[in-house]
């Protein structure tokens, strides 16, 4: 993020998401050393998960978005559709048990 853009980052702290993201970061660091793990993939996944949790992760995600804008837009659209599906499943489950 450079000084020309005024982007505000909204942090949404959630302990489970932080733990998952840090797990992926650790797995990515191990993957940089171990030949059978894809280190870069796990690092990128960890940054993606943590982008709403920490400012440093949001800055790294902004760098990735500047570098590969097409891939980032597809990933974020997949996340949006997955969130909508999970919300729909939750509604159906609540209706099925009589709480919705």
Protein backbone atom coordinates (compact mmCIF):
# COMPACT_ATOMS: atom_id res chain seq x y z
CA UNK A 1 0.00 0.00 0.00
CA UNK A 2 1.52 3.28 -1.03
CA UNK A 3 0.75 6.84 0.04
CA UNK A 4 -1.33 7.60 -3.06
CA UNK A 5 -4.15 5.27 -2.06
CA UNK A 6 -6.21 5.79 1.06
CA UNK A 7 -7.38 2.31 1.89
CA UNK A 8 -8.91 1.64 5.28
CA UNK A 9 -8.43 -1.79 6.77
CA UNK A 10 -11.22 -3.15 8.94
CA UNK A 11 -9.88 -5.74 11.35
CA UNK A 12 -12.26 -8.50 12.42
CA UNK A 13 -10.45 -10.38 15.19
CA UNK A 14 -11.50 -14.00 15.60
CA UNK A 15 -9.35 -16.44 17.59
CA UNK A 16 -10.13 -19.47 15.43
CA UNK A 17 -9.21 -17.67 12.23
CA UNK A 18 -5.99 -16.38 13.80
CA UNK A 19 -5.01 -19.89 14.89
CA UNK A 20 -5.77 -21.33 11.44
CA UNK A 21 -3.81 -18.60 9.68
CA UNK A 22 -0.80 -18.96 11.96
CA UNK A 23 -0.93 -22.74 11.46
CA UNK A 24 -0.75 -22.22 7.68
CA UNK A 25 2.14 -19.76 8.09
CA UNK A 26 4.09 -22.30 10.18
CA UNK A 27 3.28 -25.02 7.65
CA UNK A 28 4.49 -22.70 4.88
CA UNK A 29 7.80 -22.03 6.65
CA UNK A 30 8.25 -25.78 7.10
CA UNK A 31 7.36 -26.24 3.45
CA UNK A 32 10.17 -23.93 2.41
CA UNK A 33 12.60 -26.39 4.01
CA UNK A 34 10.89 -29.76 3.51
CA UNK A 35 10.71 -31.02 -0.09
CA UNK A 36 7.26 -32.63 0.16
CA UNK A 37 5.30 -29.52 1.26
CA UNK A 38 4.42 -26.57 -0.95
CA UNK A 39 5.79 -23.74 1.19
CA UNK A 40 4.66 -20.81 -0.96
CA UNK A 41 1.12 -22.18 -1.21
CA UNK A 42 0.74 -22.46 2.56
CA UNK A 43 2.31 -19.04 3.14
CA UNK A 44 -0.13 -17.46 0.67
CA UNK A 45 -3.04 -19.30 2.28
CA UNK A 46 -1.95 -18.13 5.73
CA UNK A 47 -1.74 -14.51 4.54
CA UNK A 48 -5.18 -14.86 2.95
CA UNK A 49 -6.71 -16.16 6.18
CA UNK A 50 -4.99 -13.51 8.33
CA UNK A 51 -5.68 -10.51 6.09
CA UNK A 52 -8.65 -9.44 8.25
CA UNK A 53 -6.82 -10.16 11.52
CA UNK A 54 -3.53 -8.23 11.32
CA UNK A 55 -2.42 -5.07 9.53
CA UNK A 56 0.86 -6.66 8.38
CA UNK A 57 -1.09 -9.47 6.70
CA UNK A 58 -3.43 -6.95 5.03
CA UNK A 59 -0.38 -5.11 3.67
CA UNK A 60 1.07 -8.35 2.29
CA UNK A 61 -2.30 -9.25 0.75
CA UNK A 62 -2.40 -5.80 -0.88
CA UNK A 63 1.01 -6.54 -2.39
CA UNK A 64 -0.25 -9.88 -3.70
CA UNK A 65 -3.36 -8.14 -5.10
CA UNK A 66 -1.14 -5.65 -6.91
CA UNK A 67 1.06 -8.39 -8.27
CA UNK A 68 -1.67 -10.87 -9.36
CA UNK A 69 -4.99 -8.93 -9.54
CA UNK A 70 -6.85 -11.55 -11.60
CA UNK A 71 -6.07 -14.40 -9.23
CA UNK A 72 -6.93 -12.33 -6.16
CA UNK A 73 -10.31 -11.28 -7.56
CA UNK A 74 -11.17 -14.92 -8.32
CA UNK A 75 -10.10 -16.03 -4.85
CA UNK A 76 -12.17 -13.31 -3.17
CA UNK A 77 -15.22 -14.11 -5.30
CA UNK A 78 -14.88 -17.79 -4.34
CA UNK A 79 -14.71 -16.76 -0.68
CA UNK A 80 -17.88 -14.67 -1.06
CA UNK A 81 -19.82 -17.49 -2.70
CA UNK A 82 -18.61 -19.97 -0.07
CA UNK A 83 -19.72 -17.63 2.73
CA UNK A 84 -23.17 -17.35 1.13
CA UNK A 85 -23.46 -21.14 0.81
CA UNK A 86 -22.43 -21.74 4.41
CA UNK A 87 -24.93 -19.11 5.60
CA UNK A 88 -27.64 -20.85 3.57
CA UNK A 89 -26.73 -24.22 5.06
CA UNK A 90 -26.91 -22.71 8.54
CA UNK A 91 -30.38 -21.31 7.84
CA UNK A 92 -31.59 -24.68 6.59
CA UNK A 93 -30.23 -26.46 9.64
CA UNK A 94 -31.86 -23.93 11.98
CA UNK A 95 -35.18 -24.35 10.15
CA UNK A 96 -34.87 -28.13 10.29
CA UNK A 97 -34.42 -28.14 14.07
CA UNK A 98 -37.12 -25.52 14.58
CA UNK A 99 -34.96 -22.55 15.60
CA UNK A 100 -35.23 -20.39 12.53
